[in-house]
Amino acid sequence: MNRYAKITPEGMKDALFTECAALHEVRRRLSEVFDAYGYLQVLTPHMEFQELFLRESAAWLSELLYHASDSAGHPVVLRPDNTLPIARVAATRLREMALPLRLYTHQHVFRRSRSYSGRSDEIPQSDVELLGASGLRADLEILLCAVDALHSCECPRFRLELGHAGLFRALADALNVDAETRAALVHCIETKNYPALEELLSEAVGDDAEALRQLPRLFGSEAVLQKGEALLRGTAAAAPFGELQSLYAVLREAGLQRVIDIDLGLVHGQEYYTGFVFRGYMEGSGVTLLSGGRYDGLLGEFGRPAAAVGFAVAYEPLAQLLLEAGRLAPQPAPDLLVFAPAGLEALALRHVIQRRGEGLRCELALCETMEDARQYARTKGIARIAFCAGADMTEDIPVDAGE
């Protein structure tokens, strides 16, 4: 037998029983939140034409793609991102629908990881997109929806990091750095690699360069905004920083500051972000639970210019949290096992149909003898057996009765 016939590809894995139940439960809870906000569910294909992701705003995906071809030989890829396909749908099949559009989806994305990184290449993900809405109200709706999404999954001690993509973009533009240096700066700031950042900016001078050096150091409580105001005053990043201040002020007034941290070095590698960005995580864990922000330029790439804001939830870690906390009700055993001797199979089927119609969870016994049926019922935790002995001769008996 082929050596690969009994294993899964690297980065892929099976999900069994309670894992499946937990994933289903997280999707159900998230759907309740999104439905309550007026969002409508959509699904996009697992495969998309490669050119959907061959654009400057998707450059960060270029090395992560799983390539294939369709029946006509056209290059296609396994969907590495949900936002771009939803933007395509909004600009084509939903073009005649009035804006704003509130859309969400539960579907997997596929991204190549480095070998032995321990990361999954198939990521169960929920995406929420508010399309055609600009301004503070839309930003607040998305942030509140994200908070409610984490609350719905009983996520303990979660935090939202809040930043602005325009901070880095404005400062990098002011320094006129090339694309390669820009990507390196993003990596250094996101990973808070101070020595490497200093080396990249060793020849840069002025207020904008100094602000860029300090960005990854400015994270934490509300006091970060005071430091940021002093640092960014008079720089190219002053305007986006003012937007971030205004957004936080309303969040604070609404009482949400208790779950929000500020991170002025939160860049997000995705080039399509244009405004505020955020990331959700659990205290004491480096696992990102959700991330998102404003991306006002993306829909215009598909011929339907409109503002947009949204976020993605990686719901597998949320499912794991439910499992570890014992928050999932155990799968109940069937109420009844229906057994009939050989020759009376039709009678057993009719009885199963009848009892399921009464609302009972019934399982058809595949055993040859009543004793085998009893033993099977014990292993499954089924308390009663319906013994079909003949027409109008069916009775429910306890598993261990008459022994």
Protein backbone atom coordinates (compact mmCIF):
# COMPACT_ATOMS: atom_id res chain seq x y z
CA MET A 1 0.00 0.00 0.00
CA ASN A 2 1.20 3.51 -0.75
CA ARG A 3 2.97 5.00 2.27
CA TYR A 4 0.71 8.09 2.15
CA ALA A 5 -2.60 6.21 2.07
CA LYS A 6 -2.99 6.16 5.86
CA ILE A 7 -1.80 9.64 6.80
CA THR A 8 -2.88 13.20 6.12
CA PRO A 9 -0.74 15.79 4.28
CA GLU A 10 1.42 18.01 6.45
CA GLY A 11 -0.64 20.87 7.82
CA MET A 12 -3.91 18.91 7.56
CA LYS A 13 -5.67 16.78 10.17
CA ASP A 14 -8.81 14.83 10.95
CA ALA A 15 -11.42 15.98 13.45
CA LEU A 16 -13.32 13.37 15.47
CA PHE A 17 -16.47 13.23 17.58
CA THR A 18 -16.19 15.82 20.35
CA GLU A 19 -13.95 18.01 18.18
CA CYS A 20 -16.63 18.05 15.50
CA ALA A 21 -19.29 18.78 18.10
CA ALA A 22 -17.23 21.68 19.47
CA LEU A 23 -16.65 23.16 16.02
CA HIS A 24 -20.35 22.87 15.25
CA GLU A 25 -21.26 24.52 18.54
CA VAL A 26 -18.91 27.47 17.91
CA ARG A 27 -20.38 27.99 14.44
CA ARG A 28 -23.86 27.88 15.94
CA ARG A 29 -23.05 30.44 18.63
CA LEU A 30 -21.28 32.76 16.20
CA SER A 31 -24.18 32.50 13.75
CA GLU A 32 -26.61 33.56 16.48
CA VAL A 33 -24.51 36.69 17.10
CA PHE A 34 -24.12 37.56 13.42
CA ASP A 35 -27.81 36.91 12.70
CA ALA A 36 -28.79 39.19 15.58
CA TYR A 37 -26.74 41.98 14.00
CA GLY A 38 -28.56 41.55 10.69
CA TYR A 39 -25.78 39.80 8.78
CA LEU A 40 -26.64 37.30 6.02
CA GLN A 41 -24.67 34.13 5.37
CA VAL A 42 -22.92 33.42 2.06
CA LEU A 43 -20.62 30.64 0.87
CA THR A 44 -17.92 30.88 -1.78
CA PRO A 45 -16.15 28.01 -3.62
CA HIS A 46 -13.22 26.19 -2.10
CA MET A 47 -11.39 26.90 -5.36
CA GLU A 48 -11.06 30.29 -7.02
CA PHE A 49 -9.23 31.44 -10.13
CA GLN A 50 -5.66 32.26 -9.23
CA GLU A 51 -5.91 35.78 -10.66
CA LEU A 52 -8.35 36.75 -7.90
CA PHE A 53 -5.34 36.76 -5.57
CA LEU A 54 -2.75 38.14 -8.02
CA ARG A 55 -3.14 41.75 -7.00
CA GLU A 56 -1.06 44.16 -4.97
CA SER A 57 -3.48 44.09 -2.06
CA ALA A 58 -3.08 40.29 -1.85
CA ALA A 59 0.71 40.20 -2.21
CA TRP A 60 1.04 38.78 1.31
CA LEU A 61 -0.75 35.63 0.09
CA SER A 62 1.52 34.90 -2.88
CA GLU A 63 3.77 32.37 -1.13
CA LEU A 64 0.91 30.72 0.77
CA LEU A 65 -1.19 29.47 -2.15
CA TYR A 66 -2.16 25.88 -2.90
CA HIS A 67 -2.12 25.69 -6.71
CA ALA A 68 -4.21 23.46 -8.98
CA SER A 69 -6.02 23.67 -12.33
CA ASP A 70 -9.63 23.28 -13.36
CA SER A 71 -10.98 20.92 -16.04
CA ALA A 72 -10.14 23.47 -18.75
CA GLY A 73 -6.57 23.88 -17.54
CA HIS A 74 -7.07 27.32 -15.98
CA PRO A 75 -4.89 27.96 -12.93
CA VAL A 76 -6.91 27.90 -9.71
CA VAL A 77 -6.02 27.95 -6.02
CA LEU A 78 -7.57 26.67 -2.85
CA ARG A 79 -9.19 29.68 -1.18
CA PRO A 80 -6.48 31.29 1.05
CA ASP A 81 -8.66 34.16 2.27
CA ASN A 82 -12.38 34.84 2.65
CA THR A 83 -12.46 38.64 2.29
CA LEU A 84 -11.39 38.75 -1.37
CA PRO A 85 -13.99 36.18 -2.54
CA ILE A 86 -16.70 38.02 -0.59
CA ALA A 87 -15.61 41.28 -2.25
CA ARG A 88 -15.95 39.50 -5.61
CA VAL A 89 -19.47 38.35 -4.74
CA ALA A 90 -20.48 41.83 -3.56
CA ALA A 91 -19.29 43.37 -6.82
CA THR A 92 -20.92 40.77 -9.09
CA ARG A 93 -23.87 38.69 -7.92
CA LEU A 94 -24.88 41.21 -5.25
CA ARG A 95 -24.14 44.30 -7.32
CA GLU A 96 -27.83 45.31 -7.49
CA MET A 97 -28.35 45.00 -3.74
CA ALA A 98 -28.36 48.32 -1.93
CA LEU A 99 -25.47 49.16 0.34
CA PRO A 100 -24.58 48.62 3.09
CA LEU A 101 -24.30 44.85 2.80
CA ARG A 102 -23.87 42.81 5.97
CA LEU A 103 -22.41 39.40 5.10
CA TYR A 104 -20.81 36.53 7.00
CA THR A 105 -19.46 33.11 6.21
CA HIS A 106 -18.18 29.98 7.94
CA GLN A 107 -15.66 28.25 5.68
CA HIS A 108 -12.11 26.99 5.63
CA VAL A 109 -9.11 28.82 4.18
CA PHE A 110 -5.97 27.06 2.97
CA ARG A 111 -2.48 28.53 3.43
CA ARG A 112 0.89 26.84 3.12
CA SER A 113 2.95 26.93 6.30
CA ARG A 114 6.65 26.32 6.71
CA SER A 115 7.53 22.66 7.21
CA TYR A 116 7.34 21.50 10.84
CA SER A 117 5.94 24.86 11.95
CA GLY A 118 3.14 23.10 13.82
CA ARG A 119 0.57 25.32 12.11
CA SER A 120 -2.48 24.04 10.32
CA ASP A 121 -2.73 24.72 6.59
CA GLU A 122 -6.51 24.26 6.67
CA ILE A 123 -8.03 26.90 8.92
CA PRO A 124 -11.72 26.90 9.92
CA GLN A 125 -12.65 30.55 9.84
CA SER A 126 -15.71 32.79 10.19
CA ASP A 127 -15.68 36.14 8.40
CA VAL A 128 -17.92 39.15 9.00
CA GLU A 129 -17.95 41.94 6.40
CA LEU A 130 -19.82 45.26 6.54
CA LEU A 131 -19.62 46.60 2.99
CA GLY A 132 -20.59 50.09 1.88
CA ALA A 133 -20.46 51.74 5.30
CA SER A 134 -17.84 54.29 6.29
CA GLY A 135 -17.33 56.27 9.45
CA LEU A 136 -17.36 55.82 13.18
CA ARG A 137 -20.72 54.02 13.50
CA ALA A 138 -19.66 51.18 11.22
CA ASP A 139 -16.32 50.80 13.02
CA LEU A 140 -18.10 50.63 16.36
CA GLU A 141 -20.58 48.04 15.09
CA ILE A 142 -17.79 45.74 13.93
CA LEU A 143 -15.86 46.07 17.19
CA LEU A 144 -18.94 45.41 19.31
CA CYS A 145 -19.82 42.42 17.12
CA ALA A 146 -16.31 41.04 17.68
CA VAL A 147 -16.65 41.46 21.45
CA ASP A 148 -20.04 39.72 21.41
CA ALA A 149 -18.64 36.91 19.26
CA LEU A 150 -15.96 36.13 21.84
CA HIS A 151 -18.44 36.47 24.70
CA SER A 152 -20.78 34.01 22.97
CA CYS A 153 -18.06 31.35 23.01
CA GLU A 154 -17.39 31.94 26.72
CA CYS A 155 -13.83 33.01 25.97
CA PRO A 156 -12.25 33.94 29.32
CA ARG A 157 -10.00 36.97 29.77
CA PHE A 158 -9.90 37.98 26.13
CA ARG A 159 -8.41 41.28 24.96
CA LEU A 160 -8.70 43.31 21.78
CA GLU A 161 -5.58 45.10 20.56
CA LEU A 162 -6.49 48.26 18.68
CA GLY A 163 -4.24 50.05 16.19
CA HIS A 164 -4.36 51.85 12.85
CA ALA A 165 -2.87 50.69 9.55
CA GLY A 166 -2.45 54.30 8.49
CA LEU A 167 0.23 54.94 11.09
CA PHE A 168 2.83 52.70 9.51
CA ARG A 169 1.72 53.50 5.96
CA ALA A 170 2.03 57.26 6.45
CA LEU A 171 5.45 57.03 8.09
CA ALA A 172 6.83 54.57 5.53
CA ASP A 173 5.53 56.73 2.68
CA ALA A 174 7.16 59.81 4.21
CA LEU A 175 10.51 57.99 4.29
CA ASN A 176 10.01 56.77 0.70
CA VAL A 177 11.20 53.22 1.46
CA ASP A 178 11.24 50.59 -1.29
CA ALA A 179 8.91 47.56 -1.32
CA GLU A 180 11.52 45.14 0.05
CA THR A 181 12.45 47.40 2.94
CA ARG A 182 8.78 48.09 3.59
CA ALA A 183 8.04 44.38 3.97
CA ALA A 184 11.03 43.97 6.28
CA LEU A 185 9.85 46.90 8.41
CA VAL A 186 6.39 45.37 8.73
CA HIS A 187 7.92 42.10 9.94
CA CYS A 188 10.20 43.82 12.46
CA ILE A 189 7.41 45.97 13.88
CA GLU A 190 4.90 43.11 14.10
CA THR A 191 7.44 40.83 15.83
CA LYS A 192 8.86 43.71 17.89
CA ASN A 193 12.38 42.95 16.68
CA TYR A 194 14.00 46.17 17.87
CA PRO A 195 17.63 45.50 16.79
CA ALA A 196 16.61 44.55 13.25
CA LEU A 197 14.30 47.56 13.06
CA GLU A 198 17.11 49.88 14.17
CA GLU A 199 19.40 48.42 11.53
CA LEU A 200 16.84 48.99 8.78
CA LEU A 201 16.41 52.61 9.88
CA SER A 202 20.06 53.27 10.68
CA GLU A 203 20.37 55.97 8.01
CA ALA A 204 16.89 57.46 8.42
CA VAL A 205 16.62 60.76 10.28
CA GLY A 206 13.84 63.12 11.34
CA ASP A 207 10.59 62.89 13.30
CA ASP A 208 8.99 60.35 10.95
CA ALA A 209 11.95 57.97 11.26
CA GLU A 210 12.00 58.30 15.04
CA ALA A 211 8.26 57.64 15.20
CA LEU A 212 8.70 54.49 13.12
CA ARG A 213 11.43 53.30 15.50
CA GLN A 214 9.15 53.78 18.49
CA LEU A 215 5.91 52.28 17.09
CA PRO A 216 6.49 48.68 18.29
CA ARG A 217 7.25 49.96 21.80
CA LEU A 218 3.90 51.72 22.12
CA PHE A 219 1.47 49.11 23.32
CA GLY A 220 -0.57 48.60 26.47
CA SER A 221 -3.15 50.64 28.33
CA GLU A 222 -4.76 53.98 27.54
CA ALA A 223 -1.55 55.76 28.60
CA VAL A 224 -0.05 54.66 25.28
CA LEU A 225 -2.26 57.22 23.54
CA GLN A 226 -0.69 60.02 25.54
CA LYS A 227 2.81 58.88 24.56
CA GLY A 228 1.69 58.45 20.97
CA GLU A 229 0.26 61.95 20.82
CA ALA A 230 3.60 63.45 21.87
CA LEU A 231 5.54 61.24 19.46
CA LEU A 232 3.34 61.61 16.38
CA ARG A 233 2.45 65.29 16.65
CA GLY A 234 3.67 66.98 13.47
CA THR A 235 4.52 63.70 11.69
CA ALA A 236 2.89 62.16 8.62
CA ALA A 237 0.95 59.84 10.97
CA ALA A 238 -0.80 62.62 12.91
CA ALA A 239 -4.10 62.29 10.99
CA PRO A 240 -4.58 58.50 11.36
CA PHE A 241 -3.55 58.77 15.00
CA GLY A 242 -6.32 61.34 15.51
CA GLU A 243 -8.82 58.85 14.02
CA LEU A 244 -7.64 56.20 16.46
CA GLN A 245 -7.99 58.60 19.38
CA SER A 246 -11.57 59.45 18.39
CA LEU A 247 -12.51 55.78 18.03
CA TYR A 248 -11.06 54.87 21.42
CA ALA A 249 -12.79 57.81 23.11
CA VAL A 250 -16.21 56.48 22.08
CA LEU A 251 -15.29 52.92 23.07
CA ARG A 252 -14.20 54.20 26.45
CA GLU A 253 -17.43 56.13 26.90
CA ALA A 254 -19.36 52.96 26.11
CA GLY A 255 -17.41 51.05 28.78
CA LEU A 256 -15.50 48.78 26.39
CA GLN A 257 -12.05 49.99 27.45
CA ARG A 258 -12.00 47.12 29.95
CA VAL A 259 -11.30 44.64 27.13
CA ILE A 260 -9.22 46.90 24.84
CA ASP A 261 -5.49 47.53 24.67
CA ILE A 262 -3.71 49.96 22.37
CA ASP A 263 -0.93 48.77 20.05
CA LEU A 264 0.44 51.45 17.73
CA GLY A 265 2.72 48.82 16.20
CA LEU A 266 -0.21 46.68 15.08
CA VAL A 267 0.39 46.78 11.33
CA HIS A 268 -1.32 43.70 9.84
CA GLY A 269 0.58 42.37 6.85
CA GLN A 270 -2.44 42.59 4.56
CA GLU A 271 -1.99 45.55 2.26
CA TYR A 272 -5.71 46.14 1.83
CA TYR A 273 -6.21 47.59 5.34
CA THR A 274 -6.64 51.37 5.24
CA GLY A 275 -7.95 52.40 8.66
CA PHE A 276 -8.20 51.05 12.19
CA VAL A 277 -7.09 47.45 12.71
CA PHE A 278 -7.58 45.10 15.65
CA ARG A 279 -6.71 41.67 16.91
CA GLY A 280 -8.35 39.51 19.57
CA TYR A 281 -6.48 37.11 21.82
CA MET A 282 -6.77 35.44 25.21
CA GLU A 283 -4.55 36.68 28.03
CA GLY A 284 -1.66 34.33 28.63
CA SER A 285 -1.90 32.86 25.13
CA GLY A 286 -0.22 33.89 21.91
CA VAL A 287 -3.05 32.45 19.81
CA THR A 288 -4.90 35.00 17.71
CA LEU A 289 -8.65 34.42 18.01
CA LEU A 290 -9.79 37.10 15.57
CA SER A 291 -8.44 39.99 13.54
CA GLY A 292 -9.80 42.64 11.23
CA GLY A 293 -10.13 46.29 10.43
CA ARG A 294 -11.15 48.80 7.77
CA TYR A 295 -10.29 48.21 4.10
CA ASP A 296 -11.91 50.95 2.04
CA GLY A 297 -10.00 50.37 -1.20
CA LEU A 298 -10.63 46.69 -1.83
CA LEU A 299 -14.10 46.72 -3.38
CA GLY A 300 -12.96 49.33 -5.89
CA GLU A 301 -10.55 46.74 -7.30
CA PHE A 302 -13.63 44.76 -8.34
CA GLY A 303 -15.41 47.70 -9.98
CA ARG A 304 -17.71 48.62 -7.09
CA PRO A 305 -15.95 51.29 -5.04
CA ALA A 306 -17.25 51.29 -1.47
CA ALA A 307 -16.01 51.51 2.09
CA ALA A 308 -15.68 48.25 3.99
CA VAL A 309 -14.82 46.95 7.43
CA GLY A 310 -14.82 43.46 8.92
CA PHE A 311 -13.05 40.74 10.84
CA ALA A 312 -12.22 37.03 10.73
CA VAL A 313 -12.59 34.56 13.61
CA ALA A 314 -10.35 31.49 13.81
CA TYR A 315 -12.95 29.32 15.46
CA GLU A 316 -10.86 26.18 16.02
CA PRO A 317 -9.11 27.64 19.11
CA LEU A 318 -12.51 28.78 20.39
CA ALA A 319 -13.77 25.21 20.01
CA GLN A 320 -10.72 23.97 21.92
CA LEU A 321 -11.49 26.40 24.73
CA LEU A 322 -15.02 24.99 25.04
CA LEU A 323 -13.64 21.46 25.18
CA GLU A 324 -10.99 22.25 27.78
CA ALA A 325 -13.51 24.08 29.96
CA GLY A 326 -16.03 21.24 29.74
CA ARG A 327 -18.64 23.63 28.38
CA LEU A 328 -20.10 21.19 25.86
CA ALA A 329 -23.05 19.01 26.80
CA PRO A 330 -22.13 15.34 26.24
CA GLN A 331 -23.66 13.68 23.20
CA PRO A 332 -26.80 11.93 24.53
CA ALA A 333 -27.19 8.22 23.97
CA PRO A 334 -30.14 7.11 21.81
CA ASP A 335 -33.39 6.72 23.75
CA LEU A 336 -34.15 3.35 22.24
CA LEU A 337 -32.51 0.43 20.43
CA VAL A 338 -34.94 -1.36 18.10
CA PHE A 339 -34.28 -5.10 17.62
CA ALA A 340 -36.08 -7.69 15.54
CA PRO A 341 -35.18 -11.33 14.80
CA ALA A 342 -34.35 -12.39 11.26
CA GLY A 343 -37.36 -12.16 8.96
CA LEU A 344 -38.94 -9.22 10.82
CA GLU A 345 -36.62 -6.46 9.52
CA ALA A 346 -39.50 -4.55 7.89
CA LEU A 347 -41.35 -4.51 11.21
CA ALA A 348 -38.26 -3.07 12.91
CA LEU A 349 -37.94 -0.36 10.24
CA ARG A 350 -41.61 0.62 10.64
CA HIS A 351 -41.13 0.82 14.40
CA VAL A 352 -38.03 3.02 14.06
CA ILE A 353 -39.94 5.39 11.78
CA GLN A 354 -42.86 5.52 14.22
CA ARG A 355 -40.78 6.16 17.32
CA ARG A 356 -38.62 8.79 15.61
CA GLY A 357 -41.84 10.49 14.61
CA GLU A 358 -42.71 10.62 18.32
CA GLY A 359 -39.48 12.54 18.93
CA LEU A 360 -37.34 9.71 20.26
CA ARG A 361 -33.74 9.11 19.23
CA CYS A 362 -33.88 5.56 17.89
CA GLU A 363 -31.13 3.30 16.61
CA LEU A 364 -31.75 0.15 14.59
CA ALA A 365 -29.98 -2.89 16.07
CA LEU A 366 -27.71 -4.64 13.55
CA CYS A 367 -27.30 -7.69 15.79
CA GLU A 368 -28.44 -11.26 15.14
CA THR A 369 -29.57 -12.07 18.69
CA MET A 370 -31.29 -10.32 21.55
CA GLU A 371 -28.29 -10.98 23.79
CA ASP A 372 -25.98 -9.27 21.29
CA ALA A 373 -28.40 -6.35 21.16
CA ARG A 374 -28.33 -6.08 24.96
CA GLN A 375 -24.54 -6.07 25.01
CA TYR A 376 -24.39 -3.42 22.29
CA ALA A 377 -26.92 -1.25 24.16
CA ARG A 378 -24.79 -1.43 27.30
CA THR A 379 -21.68 -0.23 25.44
CA LYS A 380 -23.63 2.70 23.95
CA GLY A 381 -25.42 3.64 27.18
CA ILE A 382 -28.87 2.90 25.71
CA ALA A 383 -31.29 2.15 28.54
CA ARG A 384 -34.19 0.49 26.66
CA ILE A 385 -34.70 -1.95 23.81
CA ALA A 386 -37.80 -2.22 21.64
CA PHE A 387 -38.16 -5.95 20.92
CA CYS A 388 -40.16 -6.55 17.73
CA ALA A 389 -41.42 -10.14 18.04
CA GLY A 390 -44.20 -9.91 15.45
CA ALA A 391 -47.08 -7.77 14.23
CA ASP A 392 -48.46 -5.78 17.17
CA MET A 393 -46.01 -7.60 19.45
CA THR A 394 -43.42 -4.91 20.11
CA GLU A 395 -42.56 -3.87 23.63
CA ASP A 396 -39.99 -1.57 25.22
CA ILE A 397 -38.00 -3.31 27.90
CA PRO A 398 -35.05 -2.21 30.05
CA VAL A 399 -31.73 -3.46 28.70
CA ASP A 400 -31.10 -5.73 31.68
CA ALA A 401 -34.70 -6.90 32.24
CA GLY A 402 -35.38 -10.62 32.39
CA GLU A 403 -31.76 -11.73 32.69
